[in-house]
């Protein structure tokens, strides 16, 4: 595999990791994030390999074909898992809101609700920091692979 096709494969992997991290960390509703992840899975898992392989003139048994196949499988499986869990969380939050809404008048501890919201906000900030650090680590791995193989 020549350096141009290797660099294009690294760009493909980096762009997938970056788009996945941005979709997960976006400040949209959970169902919108799930649909965005489904679009990313279709783009990187179906459309891009279907149109990328013929344009790069990659033979079927080459390493570039193998890398594109890995990115395709990674995109389909990771986005499907993440989108499924986001849909499940979205559905659970709507059923929980309906249950809490019916018994809201009987709630005696309104101060504890504020504490739960504060802890939830801190957890979401820590989750975003974790996603950013994982993305940076993945990007560093790609850079190190590029430098060692070139």
Foldseek 3Di string as FASTA:
>chain_A
DDLVLLVVLLVLVLVLLVQLLCLVLPPDQLLVSLVSLVVSLCVLQPVCVVPVCVVVVDDCPDVSVVSSNVSNVVSNVVSVVSSVVSVVVNVVVVVVCVVCVVCVVVDPCPVVVVVVVVVVVVVSVVVSVVSVVVSVVVNVVSVVVSVVVD
